């Protein structure tokens, strides 16, 4: 009984930790979206922002633009994605442990965590070192999120992609929100605070 109790406590503790880690990743994603919105607000007089389709394009790939704002951001995204992947593997191991220890009702907890980690991890946009790959992903994200835009409906995405990608990169680097402070570390919200003076 003692061994069974300790196993239950261990499984519950590890599962809870993984839930917390993935919740932080989910919050990180929200912070990225907030920063992108603030970059747009900071550069609201930019002529390109009069084009609502370009605004949609910029909103759809926040990770890519923030990688150009902060040199360390790509590493942070890799860590956050890695946490979700490890959580999925850990979830499978915890489910197996529940079956092995014959505490079947407890298996519901790691199953729920696994689903949560899967949803968080596989909805997170990764960033490549190859600019061509990032440009393609940015346009794919835009087409997926805004299928009713005229540019998408009229199949003009290929024509717009080069100019939009270069403009979005420049937009992310300009202004006080886009200088990529050297000490801006994993907490994405820090970048916003340091940029607002």
N, C-alpha and C. Protein backbone atom coordinates (compact mmCIF):
# COMPACT_ATOMS: atom_id res chain seq x y z
N UNK A 1 0.84 -1.22 0.00
CA UNK A 1 0.00 0.00 0.00
C UNK A 1 0.87 1.26 0.00
N UNK A 2 1.98 1.18 0.79
CA UNK A 2 2.87 2.33 0.89
C UNK A 2 3.49 2.65 -0.47
N UNK A 3 3.91 1.56 -1.18
CA UNK A 3 4.48 1.75 -2.51
C UNK A 3 3.46 2.34 -3.47
N UNK A 4 2.23 1.88 -3.38
CA UNK A 4 1.18 2.38 -4.25
C UNK A 4 0.90 3.85 -3.99
N UNK A 5 0.88 4.23 -2.70
CA UNK A 5 0.63 5.63 -2.33
C UNK A 5 1.73 6.54 -2.84
N UNK A 6 2.98 6.11 -2.67
CA UNK A 6 4.11 6.92 -3.13
C UNK A 6 4.10 7.05 -4.65
N UNK A 7 3.68 6.01 -5.35
CA UNK A 7 3.59 6.06 -6.81
C UNK A 7 2.52 7.05 -7.26
N UNK A 8 1.38 7.03 -6.56
CA UNK A 8 0.29 7.96 -6.88
C UNK A 8 0.75 9.40 -6.69
N UNK A 9 1.43 9.65 -5.56
CA UNK A 9 1.92 11.01 -5.27
C UNK A 9 2.93 11.45 -6.33
N UNK A 10 3.83 10.54 -6.70
CA UNK A 10 4.87 10.85 -7.70
C UNK A 10 4.24 11.18 -9.05
N UNK A 11 3.30 10.35 -9.49
CA UNK A 11 2.65 10.57 -10.79
C UNK A 11 1.87 11.88 -10.79
N UNK A 12 1.15 12.13 -9.71
CA UNK A 12 0.36 13.37 -9.61
C UNK A 12 1.26 14.59 -9.61
N UNK A 13 2.40 14.50 -8.89
CA UNK A 13 3.33 15.63 -8.79
C UNK A 13 3.96 15.95 -10.15
N UNK A 14 4.47 14.92 -10.82
CA UNK A 14 5.11 15.14 -12.12
C UNK A 14 4.11 15.67 -13.14
N UNK A 15 2.90 15.12 -13.13
CA UNK A 15 1.86 15.59 -14.06
C UNK A 15 1.53 17.05 -13.81
N UNK A 16 1.43 17.42 -12.54
CA UNK A 16 1.14 18.82 -12.18
C UNK A 16 2.24 19.75 -12.67
N UNK A 17 3.49 19.34 -12.50
CA UNK A 17 4.61 20.16 -12.97
C UNK A 17 4.55 20.36 -14.48
N UNK A 18 4.23 19.30 -15.20
CA UNK A 18 4.13 19.40 -16.66
C UNK A 18 2.97 20.30 -17.09
N UNK A 19 1.88 20.26 -16.34
CA UNK A 19 0.75 21.16 -16.61
C UNK A 19 1.19 22.61 -16.44
N UNK A 20 1.93 22.87 -15.36
CA UNK A 20 2.41 24.23 -15.09
C UNK A 20 3.34 24.71 -16.20
N UNK A 21 4.27 23.86 -16.62
CA UNK A 21 5.21 24.22 -17.68
C UNK A 21 4.47 24.56 -18.98
N UNK A 22 3.46 23.77 -19.31
CA UNK A 22 2.72 24.02 -20.54
C UNK A 22 1.82 25.23 -20.42
N UNK A 23 1.35 25.51 -19.22
CA UNK A 23 0.57 26.73 -19.01
C UNK A 23 1.45 27.95 -19.25
N UNK A 24 2.71 27.87 -18.80
CA UNK A 24 3.65 28.98 -19.04
C UNK A 24 3.89 29.17 -20.54
N UNK A 25 3.96 28.06 -21.27
CA UNK A 25 4.13 28.15 -22.72
C UNK A 25 2.91 28.81 -23.36
N UNK A 26 1.72 28.48 -22.88
CA UNK A 26 0.50 29.09 -23.39
C UNK A 26 0.49 30.59 -23.11
N UNK A 27 0.93 30.97 -21.91
CA UNK A 27 1.01 32.39 -21.56
C UNK A 27 2.05 33.11 -22.43
N UNK A 28 3.14 32.40 -22.72
CA UNK A 28 4.18 32.96 -23.57
C UNK A 28 3.60 33.30 -24.95
N UNK A 29 2.77 32.40 -25.48
CA UNK A 29 2.13 32.65 -26.78
C UNK A 29 1.26 33.90 -26.73
N UNK A 30 0.54 34.06 -25.63
CA UNK A 30 -0.32 35.24 -25.50
C UNK A 30 0.53 36.51 -25.43
N UNK A 31 1.67 36.43 -24.72
CA UNK A 31 2.56 37.58 -24.63
C UNK A 31 3.10 37.97 -26.01
N UNK A 32 3.40 36.97 -26.83
CA UNK A 32 3.87 37.24 -28.19
C UNK A 32 2.80 38.01 -28.96
N UNK A 33 1.56 37.56 -28.87
CA UNK A 33 0.46 38.24 -29.56
C UNK A 33 0.31 39.67 -29.07
N UNK A 34 0.48 39.88 -27.76
CA UNK A 34 0.37 41.22 -27.19
C UNK A 34 1.47 42.14 -27.72
N UNK A 35 2.69 41.60 -27.81
CA UNK A 35 3.81 42.40 -28.31
C UNK A 35 3.59 42.81 -29.76
N UNK A 36 3.10 41.87 -30.56
CA UNK A 36 2.83 42.17 -31.97
C UNK A 36 1.80 43.30 -32.08
N UNK A 37 0.77 43.24 -31.25
CA UNK A 37 -0.25 44.29 -31.25
C UNK A 37 0.37 45.64 -30.87
N UNK A 38 1.29 45.62 -29.91
CA UNK A 38 1.91 46.87 -29.47
C UNK A 38 2.87 47.42 -30.52
N UNK A 39 3.53 46.53 -31.26
CA UNK A 39 4.38 47.00 -32.36
C UNK A 39 3.52 47.71 -33.41
N UNK A 40 2.38 47.13 -33.72
CA UNK A 40 1.47 47.76 -34.68
C UNK A 40 0.99 49.12 -34.17
N UNK A 41 0.65 49.17 -32.89
CA UNK A 41 0.18 50.43 -32.31
C UNK A 41 1.29 51.48 -32.32
N UNK A 42 2.51 51.05 -32.03
CA UNK A 42 3.64 51.98 -31.99
C UNK A 42 3.95 52.55 -33.37
N UNK A 43 3.71 51.74 -34.41
CA UNK A 43 4.01 52.16 -35.77
C UNK A 43 2.74 52.48 -36.57
N UNK A 44 1.70 52.92 -35.87
CA UNK A 44 0.39 53.09 -36.51
C UNK A 44 0.39 54.11 -37.66
N UNK A 45 1.39 54.99 -37.69
CA UNK A 45 1.44 55.98 -38.78
C UNK A 45 2.14 55.45 -40.02
N UNK A 46 2.70 54.26 -39.91
CA UNK A 46 3.37 53.66 -41.07
C UNK A 46 2.36 53.46 -42.20
N UNK A 47 2.74 53.84 -43.39
CA UNK A 47 1.83 53.78 -44.54
C UNK A 47 1.35 52.36 -44.83
N UNK A 48 2.23 51.37 -44.63
CA UNK A 48 1.85 49.99 -44.92
C UNK A 48 0.71 49.49 -44.04
N UNK A 49 0.56 50.09 -42.86
CA UNK A 49 -0.47 49.63 -41.95
C UNK A 49 -1.87 50.10 -42.35
N UNK A 50 -1.94 50.90 -43.40
CA UNK A 50 -3.25 51.25 -43.95
C UNK A 50 -3.81 50.07 -44.75
N UNK A 51 -2.93 49.16 -45.11
CA UNK A 51 -3.32 47.96 -45.85
C UNK A 51 -3.73 46.88 -44.84
N UNK A 52 -5.03 46.65 -44.70
CA UNK A 52 -5.53 45.72 -43.69
C UNK A 52 -5.03 44.30 -43.95
N UNK A 53 -4.81 43.96 -45.19
CA UNK A 53 -4.32 42.62 -45.50
C UNK A 53 -2.90 42.42 -44.99
N UNK A 54 -2.07 43.45 -45.11
CA UNK A 54 -0.71 43.37 -44.57
C UNK A 54 -0.75 43.26 -43.05
N UNK A 55 -1.67 44.00 -42.43
CA UNK A 55 -1.83 43.91 -40.97
C UNK A 55 -2.17 42.47 -40.57
N UNK A 56 -3.07 41.85 -41.31
CA UNK A 56 -3.42 40.45 -41.06
C UNK A 56 -2.19 39.55 -41.21
N UNK A 57 -1.41 39.82 -42.24
CA UNK A 57 -0.19 39.05 -42.49
C UNK A 57 0.76 39.17 -41.31
N UNK A 58 0.92 40.39 -40.81
CA UNK A 58 1.82 40.64 -39.68
C UNK A 58 1.32 39.95 -38.41
N UNK A 59 0.03 40.02 -38.19
CA UNK A 59 -0.56 39.41 -36.99
C UNK A 59 -0.45 37.88 -37.00
N UNK A 60 -0.41 37.29 -38.16
CA UNK A 60 -0.47 35.83 -38.26
C UNK A 60 0.85 35.13 -37.97
N UNK A 61 1.96 35.87 -37.86
CA UNK A 61 3.27 35.23 -37.67
C UNK A 61 4.13 35.99 -36.67
N UNK A 62 3.58 36.24 -35.49
CA UNK A 62 4.29 37.00 -34.48
C UNK A 62 5.66 36.45 -34.13
N UNK A 63 5.78 35.13 -34.02
CA UNK A 63 7.06 34.53 -33.66
C UNK A 63 8.17 34.92 -34.63
N UNK A 64 7.86 34.90 -35.91
CA UNK A 64 8.88 35.20 -36.93
C UNK A 64 9.36 36.63 -36.80
N UNK A 65 8.44 37.57 -36.59
CA UNK A 65 8.85 38.98 -36.51
C UNK A 65 9.61 39.25 -35.21
N UNK A 66 9.19 38.65 -34.11
CA UNK A 66 9.90 38.88 -32.86
C UNK A 66 11.30 38.28 -32.87
N UNK A 67 11.52 37.28 -33.70
CA UNK A 67 12.86 36.71 -33.85
C UNK A 67 13.81 37.74 -34.46
N UNK A 68 13.27 38.66 -35.25
CA UNK A 68 14.08 39.73 -35.84
C UNK A 68 14.22 40.90 -34.88
N UNK A 69 13.36 40.95 -33.87
CA UNK A 69 13.42 42.01 -32.88
C UNK A 69 14.40 41.66 -31.77
N UNK A 70 14.49 40.38 -31.44
CA UNK A 70 15.34 39.93 -30.33
C UNK A 70 16.12 38.70 -30.80
N UNK A 71 17.44 38.80 -30.79
CA UNK A 71 18.29 37.71 -31.31
C UNK A 71 18.11 36.41 -30.54
N UNK A 72 17.72 36.48 -29.27
CA UNK A 72 17.58 35.27 -28.45
C UNK A 72 16.19 34.64 -28.54
N UNK A 73 15.29 35.29 -29.26
CA UNK A 73 13.91 34.83 -29.25
C UNK A 73 13.75 33.45 -29.86
N UNK A 74 14.52 33.16 -30.93
CA UNK A 74 14.41 31.85 -31.59
C UNK A 74 14.72 30.73 -30.60
N UNK A 75 15.76 30.93 -29.77
CA UNK A 75 16.13 29.92 -28.77
C UNK A 75 15.00 29.73 -27.76
N UNK A 76 14.38 30.83 -27.37
CA UNK A 76 13.29 30.76 -26.41
C UNK A 76 12.12 29.94 -26.96
N UNK A 77 11.80 30.16 -28.23
CA UNK A 77 10.72 29.41 -28.87
C UNK A 77 11.06 27.92 -28.92
N UNK A 78 12.32 27.61 -29.22
CA UNK A 78 12.74 26.21 -29.27
C UNK A 78 12.58 25.54 -27.91
N UNK A 79 12.92 26.28 -26.84
CA UNK A 79 12.77 25.74 -25.48
C UNK A 79 11.30 25.50 -25.16
N UNK A 80 10.46 26.48 -25.48
CA UNK A 80 9.04 26.35 -25.18
C UNK A 80 8.41 25.19 -25.95
N UNK A 81 8.79 25.04 -27.21
CA UNK A 81 8.27 23.93 -28.01
C UNK A 81 8.78 22.60 -27.47
N UNK A 82 10.06 22.59 -27.08
CA UNK A 82 10.66 21.38 -26.52
C UNK A 82 9.96 20.92 -25.26
N UNK A 83 9.54 21.87 -24.43
CA UNK A 83 8.82 21.54 -23.20
C UNK A 83 7.53 20.79 -23.53
N UNK A 84 6.81 21.27 -24.54
CA UNK A 84 5.56 20.61 -24.91
C UNK A 84 5.80 19.21 -25.46
N UNK A 85 6.84 19.06 -26.27
CA UNK A 85 7.16 17.74 -26.83
C UNK A 85 7.55 16.77 -25.73
N UNK A 86 8.40 17.22 -24.80
CA UNK A 86 8.80 16.37 -23.68
C UNK A 86 7.61 16.03 -22.79
N UNK A 87 6.68 16.97 -22.69
CA UNK A 87 5.48 16.72 -21.88
C UNK A 87 4.62 15.62 -22.50
N UNK A 88 4.57 15.60 -23.82
CA UNK A 88 3.80 14.54 -24.50
C UNK A 88 4.44 13.18 -24.23
N UNK A 89 5.77 13.12 -24.35
CA UNK A 89 6.48 11.87 -24.06
C UNK A 89 6.30 11.49 -22.60
N UNK A 90 6.44 12.51 -21.72
CA UNK A 90 6.25 12.25 -20.29
C UNK A 90 4.85 11.80 -19.96
N UNK A 91 3.86 12.37 -20.67
CA UNK A 91 2.48 11.98 -20.45
C UNK A 91 2.24 10.52 -20.77
N UNK A 92 2.83 10.06 -21.87
CA UNK A 92 2.70 8.64 -22.24
C UNK A 92 3.34 7.75 -21.19
N UNK A 93 4.50 8.18 -20.67
CA UNK A 93 5.19 7.40 -19.63
C UNK A 93 4.36 7.36 -18.35
N UNK A 94 3.74 8.48 -18.01
CA UNK A 94 2.92 8.54 -16.79
C UNK A 94 1.66 7.68 -16.92
N UNK A 95 1.08 7.66 -18.11
CA UNK A 95 -0.09 6.80 -18.34
C UNK A 95 0.31 5.33 -18.18
N UNK A 96 1.47 4.98 -18.73
CA UNK A 96 1.98 3.61 -18.59
C UNK A 96 2.23 3.28 -17.12
N UNK A 97 2.74 4.27 -16.37
CA UNK A 97 3.00 4.05 -14.94
C UNK A 97 1.69 3.81 -14.18
N UNK A 98 0.65 4.55 -14.55
CA UNK A 98 -0.66 4.36 -13.91
C UNK A 98 -1.19 2.94 -14.16
N UNK A 99 -1.02 2.47 -15.38
CA UNK A 99 -1.47 1.11 -15.72
C UNK A 99 -0.64 0.08 -14.96
N UNK A 100 0.67 0.31 -14.92
CA UNK A 100 1.57 -0.62 -14.23
C UNK A 100 1.25 -0.71 -12.74
N UNK A 101 0.95 0.45 -12.14
CA UNK A 101 0.64 0.50 -10.70
C UNK A 101 -0.83 0.18 -10.42
N UNK A 102 -1.60 -0.04 -11.49
CA UNK A 102 -3.01 -0.38 -11.38
C UNK A 102 -3.83 0.71 -10.67
N UNK A 103 -3.46 1.95 -10.95
CA UNK A 103 -4.26 3.09 -10.44
C UNK A 103 -4.92 3.74 -11.67
N UNK A 104 -5.84 3.01 -12.25
CA UNK A 104 -6.43 3.41 -13.53
C UNK A 104 -7.15 4.77 -13.50
N UNK A 105 -7.91 5.10 -12.44
CA UNK A 105 -8.57 6.41 -12.44
C UNK A 105 -7.59 7.58 -12.53
N UNK A 106 -6.39 7.39 -11.94
CA UNK A 106 -5.39 8.47 -11.96
C UNK A 106 -4.89 8.74 -13.38
N UNK A 107 -5.00 7.75 -14.26
CA UNK A 107 -4.51 7.91 -15.65
C UNK A 107 -5.22 9.04 -16.38
N UNK A 108 -6.42 9.40 -15.92
CA UNK A 108 -7.17 10.49 -16.55
C UNK A 108 -6.38 11.80 -16.49
N UNK A 109 -5.66 12.00 -15.39
CA UNK A 109 -4.90 13.25 -15.19
C UNK A 109 -3.79 13.40 -16.23
N UNK A 110 -2.87 12.42 -16.38
CA UNK A 110 -1.85 12.57 -17.42
C UNK A 110 -2.41 12.57 -18.84
N UNK A 111 -3.55 11.89 -19.06
CA UNK A 111 -4.18 11.93 -20.38
C UNK A 111 -4.62 13.36 -20.71
N UNK A 112 -5.25 14.02 -19.73
CA UNK A 112 -5.69 15.40 -19.92
C UNK A 112 -4.49 16.32 -20.14
N UNK A 113 -3.41 16.09 -19.38
CA UNK A 113 -2.20 16.89 -19.53
C UNK A 113 -1.60 16.69 -20.92
N UNK A 114 -1.60 15.44 -21.39
CA UNK A 114 -1.04 15.12 -22.71
C UNK A 114 -1.80 15.86 -23.81
N UNK A 115 -3.12 15.86 -23.71
CA UNK A 115 -3.95 16.57 -24.71
C UNK A 115 -3.65 18.06 -24.68
N UNK A 116 -3.52 18.61 -23.47
CA UNK A 116 -3.20 20.03 -23.30
C UNK A 116 -1.85 20.36 -23.92
N UNK A 117 -0.84 19.53 -23.62
CA UNK A 117 0.51 19.74 -24.15
C UNK A 117 0.52 19.64 -25.67
N UNK A 118 -0.23 18.70 -26.21
CA UNK A 118 -0.32 18.52 -27.66
C UNK A 118 -0.92 19.77 -28.31
N UNK A 119 -1.99 20.27 -27.71
CA UNK A 119 -2.65 21.45 -28.26
C UNK A 119 -1.74 22.67 -28.22
N UNK A 120 -1.03 22.84 -27.10
CA UNK A 120 -0.14 23.99 -26.95
C UNK A 120 1.07 23.87 -27.87
N UNK A 121 1.71 22.71 -27.84
CA UNK A 121 2.95 22.52 -28.59
C UNK A 121 2.80 22.56 -30.09
N UNK A 122 1.76 21.93 -30.61
CA UNK A 122 1.62 21.82 -32.06
C UNK A 122 0.86 22.99 -32.68
N UNK A 123 0.49 23.97 -31.86
CA UNK A 123 -0.09 25.20 -32.42
C UNK A 123 0.93 26.34 -32.33
N UNK A 124 2.15 25.99 -31.95
CA UNK A 124 3.21 26.99 -31.77
C UNK A 124 4.05 27.08 -33.04
N UNK A 125 4.18 28.27 -33.60
CA UNK A 125 4.93 28.44 -34.84
C UNK A 125 6.43 28.41 -34.56
N UNK A 126 7.14 27.50 -35.23
CA UNK A 126 8.58 27.43 -35.07
C UNK A 126 9.26 28.43 -36.01
N UNK A 127 10.54 28.70 -35.74
CA UNK A 127 11.29 29.67 -36.52
C UNK A 127 12.51 28.99 -37.10
N UNK A 128 12.71 29.14 -38.40
CA UNK A 128 13.86 28.53 -39.07
C UNK A 128 15.00 29.54 -39.21
N UNK A 129 16.21 29.03 -39.38
CA UNK A 129 17.35 29.90 -39.66
C UNK A 129 17.36 30.33 -41.12
N UNK A 130 16.59 29.63 -41.93
CA UNK A 130 16.50 29.92 -43.37
C UNK A 130 15.39 30.94 -43.61
N UNK A 131 15.76 32.10 -44.14
CA UNK A 131 14.78 33.17 -44.37
C UNK A 131 13.71 32.76 -45.38
N UNK A 132 14.09 31.95 -46.36
CA UNK A 132 13.11 31.51 -47.36
C UNK A 132 12.03 30.64 -46.71
N UNK A 133 12.46 29.80 -45.78
CA UNK A 133 11.51 28.94 -45.07
C UNK A 133 10.56 29.79 -44.24
N UNK A 134 11.12 30.78 -43.54
CA UNK A 134 10.29 31.66 -42.71
C UNK A 134 9.30 32.46 -43.55
N UNK A 135 9.76 32.92 -44.71
CA UNK A 135 8.87 33.68 -45.60
C UNK A 135 7.71 32.80 -46.07
N UNK A 136 8.02 31.55 -46.39
CA UNK A 136 6.97 30.63 -46.83
C UNK A 136 5.99 30.34 -45.69
N UNK A 137 6.53 30.13 -44.48
CA UNK A 137 5.67 29.85 -43.33
C UNK A 137 4.79 31.05 -42.99
N UNK A 138 5.36 32.24 -43.10
CA UNK A 138 4.58 33.45 -42.79
C UNK A 138 3.38 33.56 -43.72
N UNK A 139 3.60 33.28 -45.00
CA UNK A 139 2.50 33.36 -45.96
C UNK A 139 1.50 32.23 -45.74
N UNK A 140 1.98 31.05 -45.39
CA UNK A 140 1.08 29.93 -45.10
C UNK A 140 0.21 30.24 -43.89
N UNK A 141 0.82 30.84 -42.86
CA UNK A 141 0.05 31.22 -41.67
C UNK A 141 -1.04 32.23 -42.02
N UNK A 142 -0.67 33.19 -42.85
CA UNK A 142 -1.62 34.22 -43.28
C UNK A 142 -2.79 33.60 -44.05
N UNK A 143 -2.49 32.73 -44.99
CA UNK A 143 -3.53 32.08 -45.80
C UNK A 143 -4.46 31.23 -44.94
N UNK A 144 -3.88 30.59 -43.94
CA UNK A 144 -4.67 29.72 -43.07
C UNK A 144 -5.60 30.53 -42.16
N UNK A 145 -5.09 31.66 -41.64
CA UNK A 145 -5.86 32.44 -40.67
C UNK A 145 -6.80 33.45 -41.32
N UNK A 146 -6.49 33.87 -42.53
CA UNK A 146 -7.33 34.89 -43.20
C UNK A 146 -7.67 34.44 -44.62
N UNK A 147 -8.39 33.32 -44.76
CA UNK A 147 -8.70 32.77 -46.09
C UNK A 147 -9.62 33.65 -46.92
N UNK A 148 -10.31 34.60 -46.29
CA UNK A 148 -11.27 35.43 -47.02
C UNK A 148 -10.67 36.74 -47.52
N UNK A 149 -9.39 37.00 -47.24
CA UNK A 149 -8.76 38.21 -47.75
C UNK A 149 -8.66 38.14 -49.28
N UNK A 150 -8.84 39.25 -49.96
CA UNK A 150 -8.75 39.26 -51.43
C UNK A 150 -7.43 38.70 -51.96
N UNK A 151 -6.33 39.00 -51.26
CA UNK A 151 -5.03 38.50 -51.71
C UNK A 151 -5.01 36.97 -51.76
N UNK A 152 -5.66 36.35 -50.79
CA UNK A 152 -5.72 34.89 -50.74
C UNK A 152 -6.68 34.37 -51.79
N UNK A 153 -7.86 34.97 -51.86
CA UNK A 153 -8.88 34.51 -52.80
C UNK A 153 -8.44 34.66 -54.26
N UNK A 154 -7.66 35.72 -54.53
CA UNK A 154 -7.23 35.98 -55.91
C UNK A 154 -5.87 35.36 -56.22
N UNK A 155 -5.37 34.53 -55.30
CA UNK A 155 -4.10 33.82 -55.50
C UNK A 155 -2.93 34.77 -55.80
N UNK A 156 -2.86 35.87 -55.05
CA UNK A 156 -1.78 36.84 -55.25
C UNK A 156 -0.72 36.75 -54.15
N UNK A 157 -0.79 35.71 -53.33
CA UNK A 157 0.12 35.59 -52.19
C UNK A 157 1.58 35.50 -52.62
N UNK A 158 1.85 34.76 -53.68
CA UNK A 158 3.23 34.60 -54.15
C UNK A 158 3.81 35.94 -54.58
N UNK A 159 2.99 36.77 -55.21
CA UNK A 159 3.46 38.09 -55.66
C UNK A 159 3.73 39.01 -54.48
N UNK A 160 2.90 38.93 -53.45
CA UNK A 160 3.02 39.84 -52.31
C UNK A 160 4.10 39.40 -51.31
N UNK A 161 4.40 38.12 -51.27
CA UNK A 161 5.25 37.56 -50.22
C UNK A 161 6.59 38.26 -50.03
N UNK A 162 7.42 38.47 -51.08
CA UNK A 162 8.74 39.09 -50.86
C UNK A 162 8.66 40.48 -50.23
N UNK A 163 7.81 41.34 -50.78
CA UNK A 163 7.70 42.71 -50.27
C UNK A 163 7.13 42.74 -48.86
N UNK A 164 6.10 41.96 -48.62
CA UNK A 164 5.48 41.92 -47.30
C UNK A 164 6.45 41.39 -46.25
N UNK A 165 7.21 40.36 -46.61
CA UNK A 165 8.14 39.77 -45.65
C UNK A 165 9.21 40.78 -45.25
N UNK A 166 9.79 41.46 -46.22
CA UNK A 166 10.84 42.45 -45.93
C UNK A 166 10.27 43.62 -45.12
N UNK A 167 9.06 44.05 -45.45
CA UNK A 167 8.44 45.15 -44.72
C UNK A 167 8.13 44.75 -43.29
N UNK A 168 7.65 43.54 -43.09
CA UNK A 168 7.33 43.06 -41.74
C UNK A 168 8.59 42.97 -40.89
N UNK A 169 9.69 42.50 -41.47
CA UNK A 169 10.96 42.43 -40.75
C UNK A 169 11.41 43.82 -40.32
N UNK A 170 11.32 44.77 -41.24
CA UNK A 170 11.72 46.14 -40.94
C UNK A 170 10.82 46.74 -39.87
N UNK A 171 9.53 46.46 -39.97
CA UNK A 171 8.57 46.99 -38.99
C UNK A 171 8.88 46.48 -37.59
N UNK A 172 9.27 45.21 -37.49
CA UNK A 172 9.58 44.62 -36.19
C UNK A 172 10.82 45.24 -35.57
N UNK A 173 11.73 45.75 -36.40
CA UNK A 173 12.99 46.29 -35.90
C UNK A 173 12.93 47.78 -35.61
N UNK A 174 11.91 48.46 -36.10
CA UNK A 174 11.85 49.91 -35.94
C UNK A 174 11.12 50.32 -34.67
N UNK A 175 11.39 51.54 -34.22
CA UNK A 175 10.70 52.06 -33.05
C UNK A 175 11.22 51.48 -31.75
N UNK A 176 10.75 52.04 -30.66
CA UNK A 176 11.25 51.64 -29.34
C UNK A 176 10.87 50.22 -28.97
N UNK A 177 9.83 49.67 -29.60
CA UNK A 177 9.44 48.30 -29.30
C UNK A 177 10.23 47.29 -30.11
N UNK A 178 10.97 47.75 -31.10
CA UNK A 178 11.63 46.82 -31.99
C UNK A 178 13.13 46.85 -31.98
N UNK A 179 13.73 47.24 -30.86
CA UNK A 179 15.17 47.33 -30.84
C UNK A 179 15.86 46.12 -30.28
N UNK A 180 15.08 45.17 -29.74
CA UNK A 180 15.66 43.91 -29.29
C UNK A 180 16.74 44.09 -28.25
N UNK A 181 16.38 44.54 -27.05
CA UNK A 181 17.36 44.75 -26.00
C UNK A 181 18.18 43.49 -25.76
N UNK A 182 19.46 43.67 -25.49
CA UNK A 182 20.35 42.53 -25.29
C UNK A 182 19.98 41.72 -24.06
N UNK A 183 19.35 42.38 -23.08
CA UNK A 183 19.00 41.66 -21.86
C UNK A 183 17.55 41.21 -21.86
N UNK A 184 16.89 41.23 -23.03
CA UNK A 184 15.51 40.76 -23.10
C UNK A 184 15.50 39.25 -23.18
N UNK A 185 15.18 38.60 -22.10
CA UNK A 185 15.27 37.15 -22.00
C UNK A 185 13.92 36.50 -22.19
N UNK A 186 13.79 35.19 -21.88
CA UNK A 186 12.61 34.43 -22.24
C UNK A 186 11.25 35.06 -22.02
N UNK A 187 11.06 35.84 -20.95
CA UNK A 187 9.73 36.39 -20.72
C UNK A 187 9.45 37.45 -21.77
N UNK A 188 8.62 37.12 -22.71
CA UNK A 188 8.35 38.01 -23.83
C UNK A 188 7.81 39.36 -23.37
N UNK A 189 7.08 39.37 -22.27
CA UNK A 189 6.48 40.60 -21.79
C UNK A 189 7.55 41.63 -21.42
N UNK A 190 8.74 41.17 -21.02
CA UNK A 190 9.83 42.05 -20.64
C UNK A 190 10.22 42.97 -21.79
N UNK A 191 10.18 42.44 -23.00
CA UNK A 191 10.55 43.24 -24.16
C UNK A 191 9.63 44.44 -24.30
N UNK A 192 8.35 44.23 -24.05
CA UNK A 192 7.38 45.32 -24.15
C UNK A 192 7.67 46.37 -23.10
N UNK A 193 7.89 45.93 -21.86
CA UNK A 193 8.12 46.88 -20.78
C UNK A 193 9.37 47.71 -21.02
N UNK A 194 10.42 47.07 -21.52
CA UNK A 194 11.66 47.78 -21.76
C UNK A 194 11.54 48.73 -22.94
N UNK A 195 10.60 48.41 -23.84
CA UNK A 195 10.44 49.25 -25.01
C UNK A 195 9.56 50.46 -24.76
N UNK A 196 8.80 50.45 -23.68
CA UNK A 196 7.86 51.54 -23.39
C UNK A 196 8.50 52.52 -22.43
N UNK A 197 8.93 53.64 -22.92
CA UNK A 197 9.58 54.65 -22.09
C UNK A 197 8.88 55.98 -22.26
